[in-house]
Amino acid sequence: MYEMLFMGNFIQDGNEKWAFYKAYDYDLPSEKVLANLKGLVLPGSKYSVYDESIEWIKPLKELVQNIYNNYK
């Protein structure tokens, strides 16, 4: 439900394709998916990126670093 409400703010027309990933479930896009993306939306969270006790934060930070370094 949340994804549909969020997506409604960005859709331009009915031809767009959207995918949702849940970092807290370790669900992140693959390298193949990243190579074909036109954009990525990372909404905020109640969790802090600096909280080392939250195990899923590290893979998400690594994903963002990978995108920044390899997918200009």
PDB file of N, CA and C in Angstrom:
ATOM      1  N   MET A   1       0.821  -1.187   0.000  1.00  0.00           N
ATOM      2  CA  MET A   1       0.000   0.000   0.000  1.00  0.00           C
ATOM      3  C   MET A   1       0.875   1.267   0.000  1.00  0.00           C
ATOM      4  N   TYR A   2       1.877   1.296   0.876  1.00  0.00           N
ATOM      5  CA  TYR A   2       2.749   2.468   0.967  1.00  0.00           C
ATOM      6  C   TYR A   2       3.445   2.725  -0.362  1.00  0.00           C
ATOM      7  N   GLU A   3       3.891   1.659  -1.007  1.00  0.00           N
ATOM      8  CA  GLU A   3       4.588   1.818  -2.275  1.00  0.00           C
ATOM      9  C   GLU A   3       3.685   2.488  -3.313  1.00  0.00           C
ATOM     10  N   MET A   4       2.437   2.101  -3.365  1.00  0.00           N
ATOM     11  CA  MET A   4       1.510   2.669  -4.334  1.00  0.00           C
ATOM     12  C   MET A   4       1.271   4.154  -4.054  1.00  0.00           C
ATOM     13  N   LEU A   5       1.134   4.528  -2.797  1.00  0.00           N
ATOM     14  CA  LEU A   5       0.945   5.931  -2.458  1.00  0.00           C
ATOM     15  C   LEU A   5       2.186   6.743  -2.811  1.00  0.00           C
ATOM     16  N   PHE A   6       3.344   6.204  -2.503  1.00  0.00           N
ATOM     17  CA  PHE A   6       4.607   6.880  -2.784  1.00  0.00           C
ATOM     18  C   PHE A   6       4.806   7.037  -4.286  1.00  0.00           C
ATOM     19  N   MET A   7       4.563   5.976  -5.021  1.00  0.00           N
ATOM     20  CA  MET A   7       4.768   5.965  -6.461  1.00  0.00           C
ATOM     21  C   MET A   7       3.866   6.979  -7.154  1.00  0.00           C
ATOM     22  N   GLY A   8       2.688   7.191  -6.639  1.00  0.00           N
ATOM     23  CA  GLY A   8       1.750   8.127  -7.237  1.00  0.00           C
ATOM     24  C   GLY A   8       2.298   9.537  -7.348  1.00  0.00           C
ATOM     25  N   ASN A   9       3.269   9.881  -6.535  1.00  0.00           N
ATOM     26  CA  ASN A   9       3.880  11.205  -6.589  1.00  0.00           C
ATOM     27  C   ASN A   9       4.883  11.342  -7.725  1.00  0.00           C
ATOM     28  N   PHE A  10       5.292  10.250  -8.332  1.00  0.00           N
ATOM     29  CA  PHE A  10       6.345  10.287  -9.344  1.00  0.00           C
ATOM     30  C   PHE A  10       5.914   9.864 -10.741  1.00  0.00           C
ATOM     31  N   ILE A  11       4.840   9.127 -10.861  1.00  0.00           N
ATOM     32  CA  ILE A  11       4.430   8.597 -12.162  1.00  0.00           C
ATOM     33  C   ILE A  11       4.102   9.726 -13.135  1.00  0.00           C
ATOM     34  N   GLN A  12       4.664   9.631 -14.327  1.00  0.00           N
ATOM     35  CA  GLN A  12       4.401  10.607 -15.392  1.00  0.00           C
ATOM     36  C   GLN A  12       3.313  10.084 -16.333  1.00  0.00           C
ATOM     37  N   ASP A  13       3.405   8.814 -16.664  1.00  0.00           N
ATOM     38  CA  ASP A  13       2.411   8.198 -17.541  1.00  0.00           C
ATOM     39  C   ASP A  13       2.337   6.711 -17.224  1.00  0.00           C
ATOM     40  N   GLY A  14       1.454   6.013 -17.874  1.00  0.00           N
ATOM     41  CA  GLY A  14       1.253   4.600 -17.586  1.00  0.00           C
ATOM     42  C   GLY A  14       2.308   3.672 -18.151  1.00  0.00           C
ATOM     43  N   ASN A  15       3.296   4.214 -18.869  1.00  0.00           N
ATOM     44  CA  ASN A  15       4.312   3.371 -19.503  1.00  0.00           C
ATOM     45  C   ASN A  15       5.538   3.158 -18.633  1.00  0.00           C
ATOM     46  N   GLU A  16       5.587   3.792 -17.495  1.00  0.00           N
ATOM     47  CA  GLU A  16       6.749   3.642 -16.619  1.00  0.00           C
ATOM     48  C   GLU A  16       6.697   2.306 -15.895  1.00  0.00           C
ATOM     49  N   LYS A  17       7.863   1.761 -15.645  1.00  0.00           N
ATOM     50  CA  LYS A  17       7.973   0.515 -14.879  1.00  0.00           C
ATOM     51  C   LYS A  17       8.680   0.824 -13.574  1.00  0.00           C
ATOM     52  N   TRP A  18       8.099   0.405 -12.484  1.00  0.00           N
ATOM     53  CA  TRP A  18       8.656   0.642 -11.148  1.00  0.00           C
ATOM     54  C   TRP A  18       8.884  -0.685 -10.452  1.00  0.00           C
ATOM     55  N   ALA A  19       9.939  -0.750  -9.675  1.00  0.00           N
ATOM     56  CA  ALA A  19      10.214  -1.924  -8.838  1.00  0.00           C
ATOM     57  C   ALA A  19      10.505  -1.415  -7.432  1.00  0.00           C
ATOM     58  N   PHE A  20      10.106  -2.166  -6.452  1.00  0.00           N
ATOM     59  CA  PHE A  20      10.322  -1.782  -5.060  1.00  0.00           C
ATOM     60  C   PHE A  20      11.161  -2.842  -4.372  1.00  0.00           C
ATOM     61  N   TYR A  21      12.106  -2.389  -3.594  1.00  0.00           N
ATOM     62  CA  TYR A  21      12.996  -3.283  -2.855  1.00  0.00           C
ATOM     63  C   TYR A  21      12.916  -2.906  -1.381  1.00  0.00           C
ATOM     64  N   LYS A  22      13.000  -3.895  -0.547  1.00  0.00           N
ATOM     65  CA  LYS A  22      12.932  -3.667   0.893  1.00  0.00           C
ATOM     66  C   LYS A  22      14.288  -3.997   1.506  1.00  0.00           C
ATOM     67  N   ALA A  23      15.088  -2.961   1.708  1.00  0.00           N
ATOM     68  CA  ALA A  23      16.442  -3.140   2.231  1.00  0.00           C
ATOM     69  C   ALA A  23      16.420  -3.823   3.585  1.00  0.00           C
ATOM     70  N   TYR A  24      15.398  -3.549   4.390  1.00  0.00           N
ATOM     71  CA  TYR A  24      15.321  -4.160   5.725  1.00  0.00           C
ATOM     72  C   TYR A  24      15.115  -5.669   5.654  1.00  0.00           C
ATOM     73  N   ASP A  25      14.717  -6.179   4.485  1.00  0.00           N
ATOM     74  CA  ASP A  25      14.615  -7.625   4.256  1.00  0.00           C
ATOM     75  C   ASP A  25      15.774  -8.121   3.390  1.00  0.00           C
ATOM     76  N   TYR A  26      16.818  -7.295   3.234  1.00  0.00           N
ATOM     77  CA  TYR A  26      17.981  -7.597   2.401  1.00  0.00           C
ATOM     78  C   TYR A  26      17.579  -7.788   0.942  1.00  0.00           C
ATOM     79  N   ASP A  27      16.521  -7.147   0.532  1.00  0.00           N
ATOM     80  CA  ASP A  27      16.032  -7.193  -0.838  1.00  0.00           C
ATOM     81  C   ASP A  27      16.575  -5.953  -1.552  1.00  0.00           C
ATOM     82  N   LEU A  28      17.604  -6.151  -2.373  1.00  0.00           N
ATOM     83  CA  LEU A  28      18.271  -5.060  -3.077  1.00  0.00           C
ATOM     84  C   LEU A  28      18.390  -5.415  -4.557  1.00  0.00           C
ATOM     85  N   PRO A  29      18.448  -4.428  -5.439  1.00  0.00           N
ATOM     86  CA  PRO A  29      18.564  -4.728  -6.873  1.00  0.00           C
ATOM     87  C   PRO A  29      19.898  -5.375  -7.219  1.00  0.00           C
ATOM     88  N   SER A  30      19.853  -6.254  -8.203  1.00  0.00           N
ATOM     89  CA  SER A  30      21.062  -6.946  -8.667  1.00  0.00           C
ATOM     90  C   SER A  30      21.895  -6.022  -9.548  1.00  0.00           C
ATOM     91  N   GLU A  31      23.099  -6.449  -9.858  1.00  0.00           N
ATOM     92  CA  GLU A  31      23.964  -5.681 -10.770  1.00  0.00           C
ATOM     93  C   GLU A  31      23.310  -5.540 -12.147  1.00  0.00           C
ATOM     94  N   LYS A  32      22.637  -6.588 -12.605  1.00  0.00           N
ATOM     95  CA  LYS A  32      21.955  -6.543 -13.903  1.00  0.00           C
ATOM     96  C   LYS A  32      20.857  -5.487 -13.883  1.00  0.00           C
ATOM     97  N   VAL A  33      20.095  -5.435 -12.821  1.00  0.00           N
ATOM     98  CA  VAL A  33      19.042  -4.430 -12.695  1.00  0.00           C
ATOM     99  C   VAL A  33      19.652  -3.034 -12.626  1.00  0.00           C
ATOM    100  N   LEU A  34      20.704  -2.873 -11.844  1.00  0.00           N
ATOM    101  CA  LEU A  34      21.351  -1.564 -11.710  1.00  0.00           C
ATOM    102  C   LEU A  34      21.847  -1.039 -13.052  1.00  0.00           C
ATOM    103  N   ALA A  35      22.337  -1.928 -13.889  1.00  0.00           N
ATOM    104  CA  ALA A  35      22.879  -1.518 -15.186  1.00  0.00           C
ATOM    105  C   ALA A  35      21.800  -0.952 -16.107  1.00  0.00           C
ATOM    106  N   ASN A  36      20.543  -1.270 -15.836  1.00  0.00           N
ATOM    107  CA  ASN A  36      19.451  -0.828 -16.711  1.00  0.00           C
ATOM    108  C   ASN A  36      18.534   0.222 -16.084  1.00  0.00           C
ATOM    109  N   LEU A  37      18.860   0.692 -14.909  1.00  0.00           N
ATOM    110  CA  LEU A  37      18.014   1.683 -14.239  1.00  0.00           C
ATOM    111  C   LEU A  37      18.161   3.065 -14.854  1.00  0.00           C
ATOM    112  N   LYS A  38      17.075   3.795 -14.876  1.00  0.00           N
ATOM    113  CA  LYS A  38      17.118   5.197 -15.281  1.00  0.00           C
ATOM    114  C   LYS A  38      17.155   6.094 -14.052  1.00  0.00           C
ATOM    115  N   GLY A  39      16.734   5.584 -12.933  1.00  0.00           N
ATOM    116  CA  GLY A  39      16.722   6.379 -11.706  1.00  0.00           C
ATOM    117  C   GLY A  39      16.488   5.496 -10.502  1.00  0.00           C
ATOM    118  N   LEU A  40      16.743   6.061  -9.352  1.00  0.00           N
ATOM    119  CA  LEU A  40      16.586   5.336  -8.101  1.00  0.00           C
ATOM    120  C   LEU A  40      16.086   6.312  -7.050  1.00  0.00           C
ATOM    121  N   VAL A  41      15.059   5.922  -6.312  1.00  0.00           N
ATOM    122  CA  VAL A  41      14.511   6.752  -5.252  1.00  0.00           C
ATOM    123  C   VAL A  41      14.783   6.042  -3.927  1.00  0.00           C
ATOM    124  N   LEU A  42      15.458   6.735  -3.043  1.00  0.00           N
ATOM    125  CA  LEU A  42      15.729   6.203  -1.709  1.00  0.00           C
ATOM    126  C   LEU A  42      15.000   7.082  -0.693  1.00  0.00           C
ATOM    127  N   PRO A  43      13.827   6.651  -0.254  1.00  0.00           N
ATOM    128  CA  PRO A  43      13.095   7.476   0.706  1.00  0.00           C
ATOM    129  C   PRO A  43      13.763   7.422   2.076  1.00  0.00           C
ATOM    130  N   GLY A  44      13.400   8.327   2.917  1.00  0.00           N
ATOM    131  CA  GLY A  44      13.962   8.368   4.263  1.00  0.00           C
ATOM    132  C   GLY A  44      13.467   7.215   5.119  1.00  0.00           C
ATOM    133  N   SER A  45      13.972   7.174   6.325  1.00  0.00           N
ATOM    134  CA  SER A  45      13.634   6.107   7.252  1.00  0.00           C
ATOM    135  C   SER A  45      13.727   6.634   8.667  1.00  0.00           C
ATOM    136  N   LYS A  46      13.090   5.929   9.571  1.00  0.00           N
ATOM    137  CA  LYS A  46      13.216   6.306  10.984  1.00  0.00           C
ATOM    138  C   LYS A  46      14.540   5.811  11.570  1.00  0.00           C
ATOM    139  N   TYR A  47      15.253   4.987  10.807  1.00  0.00           N
ATOM    140  CA  TYR A  47      16.523   4.445  11.279  1.00  0.00           C
ATOM    141  C   TYR A  47      17.687   5.332  10.851  1.00  0.00           C
ATOM    142  N   SER A  48      18.746   5.318  11.618  1.00  0.00           N
ATOM    143  CA  SER A  48      19.919   6.119  11.313  1.00  0.00           C
ATOM    144  C   SER A  48      20.935   5.296  10.527  1.00  0.00           C
ATOM    145  N   VAL A  49      21.522   5.910   9.525  1.00  0.00           N
ATOM    146  CA  VAL A  49      22.553   5.266   8.721  1.00  0.00           C
ATOM    147  C   VAL A  49      23.795   4.978   9.561  1.00  0.00           C
ATOM    148  N   TYR A  50      23.914   5.670  10.681  1.00  0.00           N
ATOM    149  CA  TYR A  50      25.082   5.504  11.554  1.00  0.00           C
ATOM    150  C   TYR A  50      24.886   4.442  12.627  1.00  0.00           C
ATOM    151  N   ASP A  51      23.714   3.830  12.681  1.00  0.00           N
ATOM    152  CA  ASP A  51      23.433   2.828  13.709  1.00  0.00           C
ATOM    153  C   ASP A  51      23.978   1.471  13.264  1.00  0.00           C
ATOM    154  N   GLU A  52      25.137   1.119  13.759  1.00  0.00           N
ATOM    155  CA  GLU A  52      25.814  -0.135  13.375  1.00  0.00           C
ATOM    156  C   GLU A  52      25.078  -1.386  13.872  1.00  0.00           C
ATOM    157  N   SER A  53      24.145  -1.231  14.809  1.00  0.00           N
ATOM    158  CA  SER A  53      23.428  -2.393  15.331  1.00  0.00           C
ATOM    159  C   SER A  53      22.320  -2.868  14.384  1.00  0.00           C
ATOM    160  N   ILE A  54      21.963  -2.061  13.422  1.00  0.00           N
ATOM    161  CA  ILE A  54      20.946  -2.452  12.445  1.00  0.00           C
ATOM    162  C   ILE A  54      21.660  -3.143  11.287  1.00  0.00           C
ATOM    163  N   GLU A  55      21.496  -4.445  11.205  1.00  0.00           N
ATOM    164  CA  GLU A  55      22.294  -5.266  10.297  1.00  0.00           C
ATOM    165  C   GLU A  55      22.081  -4.949   8.820  1.00  0.00           C
ATOM    166  N   TRP A  56      20.895  -4.536   8.417  1.00  0.00           N
ATOM    167  CA  TRP A  56      20.626  -4.304   6.996  1.00  0.00           C
ATOM    168  C   TRP A  56      21.157  -2.963   6.511  1.00  0.00           C
ATOM    169  N   ILE A  57      21.602  -2.101   7.405  1.00  0.00           N
ATOM    170  CA  ILE A  57      22.120  -0.792   6.997  1.00  0.00           C
ATOM    171  C   ILE A  57      23.418  -0.938   6.192  1.00  0.00           C
ATOM    172  N   LYS A  58      24.297  -1.834   6.612  1.00  0.00           N
ATOM    173  CA  LYS A  58      25.589  -1.982   5.920  1.00  0.00           C
ATOM    174  C   LYS A  58      25.413  -2.387   4.449  1.00  0.00           C
ATOM    175  N   PRO A  59      24.605  -3.412   4.122  1.00  0.00           N
ATOM    176  CA  PRO A  59      24.416  -3.738   2.700  1.00  0.00           C
ATOM    177  C   PRO A  59      23.787  -2.595   1.906  1.00  0.00           C
ATOM    178  N   LEU A  60      22.903  -1.830   2.533  1.00  0.00           N
ATOM    179  CA  LEU A  60      22.301  -0.695   1.849  1.00  0.00           C
ATOM    180  C   LEU A  60      23.341   0.393   1.583  1.00  0.00           C
ATOM    181  N   LYS A  61      24.193   0.668   2.556  1.00  0.00           N
ATOM    182  CA  LYS A  61      25.262   1.646   2.357  1.00  0.00           C
ATOM    183  C   LYS A  61      26.208   1.194   1.254  1.00  0.00           C
ATOM    184  N   GLU A  62      26.514  -0.098   1.213  1.00  0.00           N
ATOM    185  CA  GLU A  62      27.388  -0.640   0.162  1.00  0.00           C
ATOM    186  C   GLU A  62      26.735  -0.500  -1.209  1.00  0.00           C
ATOM    187  N   LEU A  63      25.421  -0.708  -1.276  1.00  0.00           N
ATOM    188  CA  LEU A  63      24.704  -0.532  -2.537  1.00  0.00           C
ATOM    189  C   LEU A  63      24.805   0.916  -3.017  1.00  0.00           C
ATOM    190  N   VAL A  64      24.584   1.863  -2.127  1.00  0.00           N
ATOM    191  CA  VAL A  64      24.650   3.277  -2.498  1.00  0.00           C
ATOM    192  C   VAL A  64      26.062   3.638  -2.953  1.00  0.00           C
ATOM    193  N   GLN A  65      27.073   3.145  -2.267  1.00  0.00           N
ATOM    194  CA  GLN A  65      28.461   3.404  -2.675  1.00  0.00           C
ATOM    195  C   GLN A  65      28.749   2.789  -4.042  1.00  0.00           C
ATOM    196  N   ASN A  66      28.258   1.588  -4.275  1.00  0.00           N
ATOM    197  CA  ASN A  66      28.435   0.913  -5.562  1.00  0.00           C
ATOM    198  C   ASN A  66      27.789   1.726  -6.682  1.00  0.00           C
ATOM    199  N   ILE A  67      26.567   2.195  -6.456  1.00  0.00           N
ATOM    200  CA  ILE A  67      25.875   2.991  -7.468  1.00  0.00           C
ATOM    201  C   ILE A  67      26.654   4.274  -7.729  1.00  0.00           C
ATOM    202  N   TYR A  68      27.077   4.939  -6.695  1.00  0.00           N
ATOM    203  CA  TYR A  68      27.807   6.198  -6.840  1.00  0.00           C
ATOM    204  C   TYR A  68      29.116   5.996  -7.623  1.00  0.00           C
ATOM    205  N   ASN A  69      29.831   4.917  -7.311  1.00  0.00           N
ATOM    206  CA  ASN A  69      31.143   4.681  -7.931  1.00  0.00           C
ATOM    207  C   ASN A  69      31.078   4.062  -9.316  1.00  0.00           C
ATOM    208  N   ASN A  70      30.035   3.278  -9.605  1.00  0.00           N
ATOM    209  CA  ASN A  70      30.025   2.480 -10.828  1.00  0.00           C
ATOM    210  C   ASN A  70      28.898   2.758 -11.806  1.00  0.00           C
ATOM    211  N   TYR A  71      27.923   3.537 -11.417  1.00  0.00           N
ATOM    212  CA  TYR A  71      26.770   3.770 -12.279  1.00  0.00           C
ATOM    213  C   TYR A  71      26.504   5.266 -12.403  1.00  0.00           C
ATOM    214  N   LYS A  72      27.420   5.956 -13.005  1.00  0.00           N
ATOM    215  CA  LYS A  72      27.306   7.413 -13.136  1.00  0.00           C
ATOM    216  C   LYS A  72      26.201   7.715 -14.089  1.00  0.00           C
TER     217      LYS A  72
END
